[in-house]
C-alpha cells in the first residue's frame, strides 16, 4: 500500500490517502470551473483508495459549497489552501484530494482538464460515485453537516 500525505500550508488540515496506486498510476483532473481554476486545484481519487482528513482547529476551516451545492470543498481559513472535496452519495461519503495539497505532488503526472460544470447535479453525483474515494474518515473534527 502507498500512503500519500499532505494538507494545507499551515498544517490545520491534514490529508492522508492510502491506495495501491503509486503516483504514476493516478490521473490528476483539473476542473475548468472558475472556483477550481482560481484555486489551482487538480483532483485525484480512486474508488478503492481511502482518505483520512484530520483538522487541528475546526473554527479555522471553511466547508464551501458552490455550483450544484452537492460537494463541500475543504479550505483552510488560515492559509487559504484548498485540500479536498467531499460529497455524500447514497449515504456514503466520497472524496477527491487536490493533488497540489499532497507533499509529493510533483511525483504525480500533469493534470488533464475536465469539465464537470457541463453536467447536472445528478450527473455529477453519479460520476463521483464511480471515481471518488469511498473510504473517507474525518478525525478530531465535528461531523455535523460535513
C-alpha atoms as a PDB file:
ATOM      1  CA  UNK A   1       0.000   0.000   0.000  1.00  0.00           C
ATOM      2  CA  UNK A   2       1.146   3.516  -0.808  1.00  0.00           C
ATOM      3  CA  UNK A   3       0.422   6.428   1.521  1.00  0.00           C
ATOM      4  CA  UNK A   4       0.210   9.931   0.066  1.00  0.00           C
ATOM      5  CA  UNK A   5       0.236  12.621   2.763  1.00  0.00           C
ATOM      6  CA  UNK A   6      -0.245  16.342   2.682  1.00  0.00           C
ATOM      7  CA  UNK A   7      -2.558  19.101   3.754  1.00  0.00           C
ATOM      8  CA  UNK A   8      -2.765  22.831   3.930  1.00  0.00           C
ATOM      9  CA  UNK A   9       0.276  25.072   4.235  1.00  0.00           C
ATOM     10  CA  UNK A  10      -0.151  25.892   7.935  1.00  0.00           C
ATOM     11  CA  UNK A  11      -0.968  22.306   8.976  1.00  0.00           C
ATOM     12  CA  UNK A  12      -4.525  22.918  10.122  1.00  0.00           C
ATOM     13  CA  UNK A  13      -5.970  20.392   7.638  1.00  0.00           C
ATOM     14  CA  UNK A  14      -4.021  17.169   7.060  1.00  0.00           C
ATOM     15  CA  UNK A  15      -4.933  14.578   4.427  1.00  0.00           C
ATOM     16  CA  UNK A  16      -3.705  11.002   4.120  1.00  0.00           C
ATOM     17  CA  UNK A  17      -4.583   8.926   1.058  1.00  0.00           C
ATOM     18  CA  UNK A  18      -3.962   5.176   1.210  1.00  0.00           C
ATOM     19  CA  UNK A  19      -4.028   3.275  -2.053  1.00  0.00           C
ATOM     20  CA  UNK A  20      -2.344   0.552  -4.033  1.00  0.00           C
ATOM     21  CA  UNK A  21      -1.713   3.195  -6.708  1.00  0.00           C
ATOM     22  CA  UNK A  22       1.697   4.791  -6.972  1.00  0.00           C
ATOM     23  CA  UNK A  23       1.725   8.454  -8.077  1.00  0.00           C
ATOM     24  CA  UNK A  24       2.330   7.440 -11.702  1.00  0.00           C
ATOM     25  CA  UNK A  25      -0.950   5.460 -11.659  1.00  0.00           C
ATOM     26  CA  UNK A  26      -3.137   8.473 -10.889  1.00  0.00           C
ATOM     27  CA  UNK A  27      -4.607  10.926 -13.381  1.00  0.00           C
ATOM     28  CA  UNK A  28      -4.998  14.371 -11.782  1.00  0.00           C
ATOM     29  CA  UNK A  29      -8.071  16.183 -13.119  1.00  0.00           C
ATOM     30  CA  UNK A  30      -8.007  19.975 -13.399  1.00  0.00           C
ATOM     31  CA  UNK A  31     -11.636  21.064 -13.290  1.00  0.00           C
ATOM     32  CA  UNK A  32     -12.231  24.053 -15.545  1.00  0.00           C
ATOM     33  CA  UNK A  33     -14.841  25.712 -13.318  1.00  0.00           C
ATOM     34  CA  UNK A  34     -13.950  29.177 -12.020  1.00  0.00           C
ATOM     35  CA  UNK A  35     -13.664  28.018  -8.392  1.00  0.00           C
ATOM     36  CA  UNK A  36     -11.197  25.182  -9.054  1.00  0.00           C
ATOM     37  CA  UNK A  37      -9.278  27.225 -11.618  1.00  0.00           C
ATOM     38  CA  UNK A  38      -8.915  30.143  -9.184  1.00  0.00           C
ATOM     39  CA  UNK A  39      -7.591  27.743  -6.519  1.00  0.00           C
ATOM     40  CA  UNK A  40      -5.282  25.854  -8.901  1.00  0.00           C
ATOM     41  CA  UNK A  41      -6.944  22.564  -7.972  1.00  0.00           C
ATOM     42  CA  UNK A  42      -6.233  19.277  -9.719  1.00  0.00           C
ATOM     43  CA  UNK A  43      -8.176  16.382  -8.213  1.00  0.00           C
ATOM     44  CA  UNK A  44      -7.032  12.802  -7.642  1.00  0.00           C
ATOM     45  CA  UNK A  45      -9.181   9.935  -6.481  1.00  0.00           C
ATOM     46  CA  UNK A  46      -9.722   6.216  -6.927  1.00  0.00           C
ATOM     47  CA  UNK A  47     -12.766   4.294  -5.681  1.00  0.00           C
ATOM     48  CA  UNK A  48     -10.558   1.754  -3.873  1.00  0.00           C
ATOM     49  CA  UNK A  49      -8.443   4.393  -2.086  1.00  0.00           C
ATOM     50  CA  UNK A  50      -9.166   5.686   1.390  1.00  0.00           C
ATOM     51  CA  UNK A  51      -8.869   9.222   2.719  1.00  0.00           C
ATOM     52  CA  UNK A  52      -8.341  10.396   6.265  1.00  0.00           C
ATOM     53  CA  UNK A  53      -8.916  14.089   6.965  1.00  0.00           C
ATOM     54  CA  UNK A  54      -7.625  15.494  10.232  1.00  0.00           C
ATOM     55  CA  UNK A  55      -8.384  19.019  11.373  1.00  0.00           C
ATOM     56  CA  UNK A  56      -6.467  20.760  14.162  1.00  0.00           C
ATOM     57  CA  UNK A  57      -8.751  23.783  14.600  1.00  0.00           C
ATOM     58  CA  UNK A  58     -12.332  23.345  13.436  1.00  0.00           C
ATOM     59  CA  UNK A  59     -13.011  27.084  13.642  1.00  0.00           C
ATOM     60  CA  UNK A  60     -10.308  27.725  11.036  1.00  0.00           C
ATOM     61  CA  UNK A  61     -11.783  25.652   8.202  1.00  0.00           C
ATOM     62  CA  UNK A  62     -14.353  26.600   5.606  1.00  0.00           C
ATOM     63  CA  UNK A  63     -16.567  23.973   4.005  1.00  0.00           C
ATOM     64  CA  UNK A  64     -17.538  25.809   0.861  1.00  0.00           C
ATOM     65  CA  UNK A  65     -20.383  24.662  -1.398  1.00  0.00           C
ATOM     66  CA  UNK A  66     -20.774  26.058  -4.879  1.00  0.00           C
ATOM     67  CA  UNK A  67     -22.227  25.069  -8.239  1.00  0.00           C
ATOM     68  CA  UNK A  68     -24.707  22.226  -7.710  1.00  0.00           C
ATOM     69  CA  UNK A  69     -24.287  22.529  -3.893  1.00  0.00           C
ATOM     70  CA  UNK A  70     -23.629  18.774  -3.685  1.00  0.00           C
ATOM     71  CA  UNK A  71     -19.927  18.910  -2.802  1.00  0.00           C
ATOM     72  CA  UNK A  72     -18.090  20.541   0.105  1.00  0.00           C
ATOM     73  CA  UNK A  73     -14.662  21.992  -0.582  1.00  0.00           C
ATOM     74  CA  UNK A  74     -12.308  21.906   2.428  1.00  0.00           C
ATOM     75  CA  UNK A  75     -10.479  25.252   2.626  1.00  0.00           C
ATOM     76  CA  UNK A  76      -8.185  26.407   5.400  1.00  0.00           C
ATOM     77  CA  UNK A  77      -9.177  29.873   6.609  1.00  0.00           C
ATOM     78  CA  UNK A  78      -5.670  30.500   7.900  1.00  0.00           C
ATOM     79  CA  UNK A  79      -3.541  29.815   4.809  1.00  0.00           C
ATOM     80  CA  UNK A  80      -6.213  29.554   2.077  1.00  0.00           C
ATOM     81  CA  UNK A  81      -5.227  26.128   0.738  1.00  0.00           C
ATOM     82  CA  UNK A  82      -7.950  24.005  -0.885  1.00  0.00           C
ATOM     83  CA  UNK A  83      -7.167  20.473   0.319  1.00  0.00           C
ATOM     84  CA  UNK A  84     -10.004  18.160  -0.661  1.00  0.00           C
ATOM     85  CA  UNK A  85     -13.646  17.875  -1.615  1.00  0.00           C
ATOM     86  CA  UNK A  86     -16.308  15.586  -0.130  1.00  0.00           C
ATOM     87  CA  UNK A  87     -19.828  14.587  -1.068  1.00  0.00           C
ATOM     88  CA  UNK A  88     -22.341  12.109   0.278  1.00  0.00           C
ATOM     89  CA  UNK A  89     -23.544   9.669  -2.377  1.00  0.00           C
ATOM     90  CA  UNK A  90     -26.141   7.079  -1.356  1.00  0.00           C
ATOM     91  CA  UNK A  91     -25.371   7.659   2.355  1.00  0.00           C
ATOM     92  CA  UNK A  92     -21.656   7.101   1.798  1.00  0.00           C
ATOM     93  CA  UNK A  93     -19.058   9.859   1.990  1.00  0.00           C
ATOM     94  CA  UNK A  94     -16.884  10.153  -1.125  1.00  0.00           C
ATOM     95  CA  UNK A  95     -13.883  12.391  -1.719  1.00  0.00           C
ATOM     96  CA  UNK A  96     -11.163  13.634  -4.013  1.00  0.00           C
ATOM     97  CA  UNK A  97      -7.913  15.331  -2.969  1.00  0.00           C
ATOM     98  CA  UNK A  98      -6.250  18.343  -4.506  1.00  0.00           C
ATOM     99  CA  UNK A  99      -3.006  16.775  -5.725  1.00  0.00           C
ATOM    100  CA  UNK A 100      -1.272  20.092  -5.136  1.00  0.00           C
ATOM    101  CA  UNK A 101      -2.015  19.734  -1.408  1.00  0.00           C
ATOM    102  CA  UNK A 102      -0.001  16.490  -1.276  1.00  0.00           C
ATOM    103  CA  UNK A 103       3.596  16.695  -0.081  1.00  0.00           C
ATOM    104  CA  UNK A 104       4.963  14.874  -3.141  1.00  0.00           C
ATOM    105  CA  UNK A 105       2.627  16.399  -5.732  1.00  0.00           C
ATOM    106  CA  UNK A 106       5.486  16.660  -8.234  1.00  0.00           C
ATOM    107  CA  UNK A 107       5.618  12.836  -8.386  1.00  0.00           C
ATOM    108  CA  UNK A 108       2.144  12.784  -9.981  1.00  0.00           C
ATOM    109  CA  UNK A 109       1.514  13.190 -13.733  1.00  0.00           C
ATOM    110  CA  UNK A 110       0.480  16.539 -15.185  1.00  0.00           C
ATOM    111  CA  UNK A 111      -3.258  17.252 -14.807  1.00  0.00           C
ATOM    112  CA  UNK A 112      -5.800  16.586 -17.523  1.00  0.00           C
ATOM    113  CA  UNK A 113      -8.512  19.230 -17.947  1.00  0.00           C
ATOM    114  CA  UNK A 114     -12.070  18.072 -17.268  1.00  0.00           C
ATOM    115  CA  UNK A 115     -15.344  19.986 -17.450  1.00  0.00           C
ATOM    116  CA  UNK A 116     -17.867  18.763 -14.865  1.00  0.00           C
ATOM    117  CA  UNK A 117     -19.608  22.146 -14.996  1.00  0.00           C
ATOM    118  CA  UNK A 118     -21.399  20.855 -18.102  1.00  0.00           C
ATOM    119  CA  UNK A 119     -23.032  18.093 -16.017  1.00  0.00           C
ATOM    120  CA  UNK A 120     -26.232  18.339 -13.996  1.00  0.00           C
ATOM    121  CA  UNK A 121     -26.101  17.843 -10.230  1.00  0.00           C
ATOM    122  CA  UNK A 122     -27.341  14.250 -10.575  1.00  0.00           C
ATOM    123  CA  UNK A 123     -24.822  13.523 -13.337  1.00  0.00           C
ATOM    124  CA  UNK A 124     -22.013  14.874 -11.135  1.00  0.00           C
ATOM    125  CA  UNK A 125     -23.051  12.663  -8.221  1.00  0.00           C
ATOM    126  CA  UNK A 126     -23.195   9.613 -10.499  1.00  0.00           C
ATOM    127  CA  UNK A 127     -19.697  10.373 -11.768  1.00  0.00           C
ATOM    128  CA  UNK A 128     -18.377  10.919  -8.256  1.00  0.00           C
ATOM    129  CA  UNK A 129     -19.907   7.584  -7.206  1.00  0.00           C
ATOM    130  CA  UNK A 130     -17.721   5.925  -9.861  1.00  0.00           C
ATOM    131  CA  UNK A 131     -14.406   7.738  -9.427  1.00  0.00           C
ATOM    132  CA  UNK A 132     -14.137   9.302  -5.953  1.00  0.00           C
ATOM    133  CA  UNK A 133     -12.645   7.585  -2.881  1.00  0.00           C
ATOM    134  CA  UNK A 134     -15.127   5.575  -0.857  1.00  0.00           C
ATOM    135  CA  UNK A 135     -13.367   5.132   2.474  1.00  0.00           C
ATOM    136  CA  UNK A 136     -13.445   8.646   3.944  1.00  0.00           C
ATOM    137  CA  UNK A 137     -12.966   9.422   7.623  1.00  0.00           C
ATOM    138  CA  UNK A 138     -12.700  12.701   9.495  1.00  0.00           C
ATOM    139  CA  UNK A 139     -10.536  12.690  12.641  1.00  0.00           C
ATOM    140  CA  UNK A 140     -10.751  15.107  15.556  1.00  0.00           C
ATOM    141  CA  UNK A 141     -13.432  17.180  13.893  1.00  0.00           C
ATOM    142  CA  UNK A 142     -17.110  17.681  14.413  1.00  0.00           C
ATOM    143  CA  UNK A 143     -19.123  15.665  11.923  1.00  0.00           C
ATOM    144  CA  UNK A 144     -22.313  17.708  11.652  1.00  0.00           C
ATOM    145  CA  UNK A 145     -23.127  18.680   8.092  1.00  0.00           C
ATOM    146  CA  UNK A 146     -19.834  17.505   6.649  1.00  0.00           C
END
